[in-house]
């Protein structure tokens, strides 16, 4: 890959972000924020899709496909993405969305 300005800028931003979240307390705070935002996002997705009633299947398909895409990216042997800050936060976001959807399902009694 060529060493362009955009490529070096993205590399430097990634390195600075990794160094910022090396502190375990900052990393834990980021993970908790990602989990709570995932729960909020799951509840919001269910509420928005439930308003019309006709998009439930489509929204469920999109959520499952995004969840599986995140899982396949994180757990593939090609990249070591799971141990990075972004990878773990994305995994926590996915976990929060799933938990939020379960909470809404329990609220509705289904």
C-alpha atoms as a PDB file:
ATOM      1  CA  UNK A   1       0.000   0.000   0.000  1.00  0.00           C
ATOM      2  CA  UNK A   2       1.233   3.462  -0.813  1.00  0.00           C
ATOM      3  CA  UNK A   3       2.199   5.809   1.957  1.00  0.00           C
ATOM      4  CA  UNK A   4      -0.141   8.705   1.222  1.00  0.00           C
ATOM      5  CA  UNK A   5      -1.022  11.583   3.522  1.00  0.00           C
ATOM      6  CA  UNK A   6      -4.445  10.115   4.221  1.00  0.00           C
ATOM      7  CA  UNK A   7      -2.949   6.715   4.975  1.00  0.00           C
ATOM      8  CA  UNK A   8      -0.357   8.145   7.354  1.00  0.00           C
ATOM      9  CA  UNK A   9      -3.011  10.365   9.001  1.00  0.00           C
ATOM     10  CA  UNK A  10      -5.239   7.332   9.611  1.00  0.00           C
ATOM     11  CA  UNK A  11      -2.277   5.372  10.972  1.00  0.00           C
ATOM     12  CA  UNK A  12      -1.284   8.171  13.328  1.00  0.00           C
ATOM     13  CA  UNK A  13      -4.869   8.606  14.522  1.00  0.00           C
ATOM     14  CA  UNK A  14      -5.111   4.882  15.200  1.00  0.00           C
ATOM     15  CA  UNK A  15      -1.842   4.872  17.150  1.00  0.00           C
ATOM     16  CA  UNK A  16      -2.865   7.899  19.222  1.00  0.00           C
ATOM     17  CA  UNK A  17      -6.229   6.311  20.018  1.00  0.00           C
ATOM     18  CA  UNK A  18      -4.563   3.068  21.080  1.00  0.00           C
ATOM     19  CA  UNK A  19      -2.180   4.995  23.355  1.00  0.00           C
ATOM     20  CA  UNK A  20      -5.034   7.041  24.828  1.00  0.00           C
ATOM     21  CA  UNK A  21      -6.932   3.916  25.843  1.00  0.00           C
ATOM     22  CA  UNK A  22      -3.952   1.967  27.202  1.00  0.00           C
ATOM     23  CA  UNK A  23      -4.964   3.142  30.629  1.00  0.00           C
ATOM     24  CA  UNK A  24      -7.227   0.388  32.007  1.00  0.00           C
ATOM     25  CA  UNK A  25      -9.703   2.843  33.549  1.00  0.00           C
ATOM     26  CA  UNK A  26     -10.190   4.728  30.289  1.00  0.00           C
ATOM     27  CA  UNK A  27     -10.544   1.435  28.441  1.00  0.00           C
ATOM     28  CA  UNK A  28     -13.151   0.238  30.946  1.00  0.00           C
ATOM     29  CA  UNK A  29     -15.029   3.536  30.683  1.00  0.00           C
ATOM     30  CA  UNK A  30     -15.084   3.250  26.888  1.00  0.00           C
ATOM     31  CA  UNK A  31     -16.360  -0.324  27.097  1.00  0.00           C
ATOM     32  CA  UNK A  32     -19.135   0.651  29.513  1.00  0.00           C
ATOM     33  CA  UNK A  33     -20.156   3.570  27.291  1.00  0.00           C
ATOM     34  CA  UNK A  34     -20.211   1.264  24.240  1.00  0.00           C
ATOM     35  CA  UNK A  35     -22.339  -1.276  26.126  1.00  0.00           C
ATOM     36  CA  UNK A  36     -24.811   1.347  27.352  1.00  0.00           C
ATOM     37  CA  UNK A  37     -25.034   2.943  23.912  1.00  0.00           C
ATOM     38  CA  UNK A  38     -25.693  -0.516  22.459  1.00  0.00           C
ATOM     39  CA  UNK A  39     -28.546  -1.054  24.906  1.00  0.00           C
ATOM     40  CA  UNK A  40     -29.984   2.338  23.981  1.00  0.00           C
ATOM     41  CA  UNK A  41     -29.578   1.547  20.279  1.00  0.00           C
ATOM     42  CA  UNK A  42     -31.305  -1.830  20.667  1.00  0.00           C
ATOM     43  CA  UNK A  43     -34.277  -0.288  22.446  1.00  0.00           C
ATOM     44  CA  UNK A  44     -34.449   2.521  19.871  1.00  0.00           C
ATOM     45  CA  UNK A  45     -34.338   0.066  16.956  1.00  0.00           C
ATOM     46  CA  UNK A  46     -37.150  -1.983  18.455  1.00  0.00           C
ATOM     47  CA  UNK A  47     -39.234   1.105  19.185  1.00  0.00           C
ATOM     48  CA  UNK A  48     -38.812   2.628  15.741  1.00  0.00           C
ATOM     49  CA  UNK A  49     -39.437  -0.642  13.921  1.00  0.00           C
ATOM     50  CA  UNK A  50     -42.409  -1.425  16.150  1.00  0.00           C
ATOM     51  CA  UNK A  51     -44.186   1.834  15.297  1.00  0.00           C
ATOM     52  CA  UNK A  52     -45.025   0.798  11.752  1.00  0.00           C
ATOM     53  CA  UNK A  53     -45.296  -2.933  12.355  1.00  0.00           C
ATOM     54  CA  UNK A  54     -44.469  -3.746   8.753  1.00  0.00           C
ATOM     55  CA  UNK A  55     -40.693  -3.422   8.943  1.00  0.00           C
ATOM     56  CA  UNK A  56     -40.081  -5.870  11.802  1.00  0.00           C
ATOM     57  CA  UNK A  57     -38.720  -8.649   9.605  1.00  0.00           C
ATOM     58  CA  UNK A  58     -36.501  -6.326   7.573  1.00  0.00           C
ATOM     59  CA  UNK A  59     -35.053  -4.644  10.655  1.00  0.00           C
ATOM     60  CA  UNK A  60     -34.457  -8.023  12.305  1.00  0.00           C
ATOM     61  CA  UNK A  61     -32.628  -9.214   9.182  1.00  0.00           C
ATOM     62  CA  UNK A  62     -30.438  -6.101   9.135  1.00  0.00           C
ATOM     63  CA  UNK A  63     -29.595  -6.409  12.846  1.00  0.00           C
ATOM     64  CA  UNK A  64     -28.704 -10.096  12.502  1.00  0.00           C
ATOM     65  CA  UNK A  65     -26.581  -9.485   9.394  1.00  0.00           C
ATOM     66  CA  UNK A  66     -24.677  -6.641  11.077  1.00  0.00           C
ATOM     67  CA  UNK A  67     -24.166  -8.742  14.196  1.00  0.00           C
ATOM     68  CA  UNK A  68     -22.829 -11.670  12.177  1.00  0.00           C
ATOM     69  CA  UNK A  69     -20.582  -9.366  10.122  1.00  0.00           C
ATOM     70  CA  UNK A  70     -19.087  -7.927  13.313  1.00  0.00           C
ATOM     71  CA  UNK A  71     -18.586 -11.411  14.756  1.00  0.00           C
ATOM     72  CA  UNK A  72     -16.963 -12.761  11.604  1.00  0.00           C
ATOM     73  CA  UNK A  73     -14.618  -9.771  11.440  1.00  0.00           C
ATOM     74  CA  UNK A  74     -13.659  -9.968  15.103  1.00  0.00           C
ATOM     75  CA  UNK A  75     -13.125 -13.717  15.277  1.00  0.00           C
ATOM     76  CA  UNK A  76     -11.429 -14.268  11.913  1.00  0.00           C
ATOM     77  CA  UNK A  77      -7.848 -15.421  11.899  1.00  0.00           C
ATOM     78  CA  UNK A  78      -6.872 -12.947   9.205  1.00  0.00           C
ATOM     79  CA  UNK A  79      -6.825  -9.870  11.424  1.00  0.00           C
ATOM     80  CA  UNK A  80      -5.987  -9.409  15.082  1.00  0.00           C
ATOM     81  CA  UNK A  81      -8.898  -7.015  15.441  1.00  0.00           C
ATOM     82  CA  UNK A  82     -10.422  -8.466  18.603  1.00  0.00           C
ATOM     83  CA  UNK A  83      -7.705  -7.205  20.934  1.00  0.00           C
ATOM     84  CA  UNK A  84      -7.789  -3.634  19.662  1.00  0.00           C
ATOM     85  CA  UNK A  85      -9.783  -0.916  21.359  1.00  0.00           C
ATOM     86  CA  UNK A  86     -12.120  -0.462  18.408  1.00  0.00           C
ATOM     87  CA  UNK A  87     -12.709  -4.194  18.048  1.00  0.00           C
ATOM     88  CA  UNK A  88     -13.567  -4.732  21.685  1.00  0.00           C
ATOM     89  CA  UNK A  89     -15.814  -1.647  21.739  1.00  0.00           C
ATOM     90  CA  UNK A  90     -17.613  -2.880  18.641  1.00  0.00           C
ATOM     91  CA  UNK A  91     -18.129  -6.234  20.317  1.00  0.00           C
ATOM     92  CA  UNK A  92     -19.538  -4.513  23.417  1.00  0.00           C
ATOM     93  CA  UNK A  93     -21.849  -2.452  21.197  1.00  0.00           C
ATOM     94  CA  UNK A  94     -23.104  -5.656  19.569  1.00  0.00           C
ATOM     95  CA  UNK A  95     -23.661  -7.206  22.986  1.00  0.00           C
ATOM     96  CA  UNK A  96     -25.575  -4.127  24.121  1.00  0.00           C
ATOM     97  CA  UNK A  97     -27.840  -4.144  21.057  1.00  0.00           C
ATOM     98  CA  UNK A  98     -28.642  -7.812  21.624  1.00  0.00           C
ATOM     99  CA  UNK A  99     -29.343  -7.204  25.308  1.00  0.00           C
ATOM    100  CA  UNK A 100     -31.521  -4.186  24.499  1.00  0.00           C
ATOM    101  CA  UNK A 101     -33.593  -6.253  22.087  1.00  0.00           C
ATOM    102  CA  UNK A 102     -34.052  -8.940  24.750  1.00  0.00           C
ATOM    103  CA  UNK A 103     -35.147  -6.306  27.265  1.00  0.00           C
ATOM    104  CA  UNK A 104     -37.758  -4.980  24.847  1.00  0.00           C
ATOM    105  CA  UNK A 105     -38.970  -8.518  24.173  1.00  0.00           C
ATOM    106  CA  UNK A 106     -39.397  -9.097  27.912  1.00  0.00           C
ATOM    107  CA  UNK A 107     -41.258  -5.781  28.258  1.00  0.00           C
ATOM    108  CA  UNK A 108     -43.680  -6.821  25.552  1.00  0.00           C
ATOM    109  CA  UNK A 109     -44.127 -10.270  27.032  1.00  0.00           C
ATOM    110  CA  UNK A 110     -43.323 -12.166  23.862  1.00  0.00           C
END
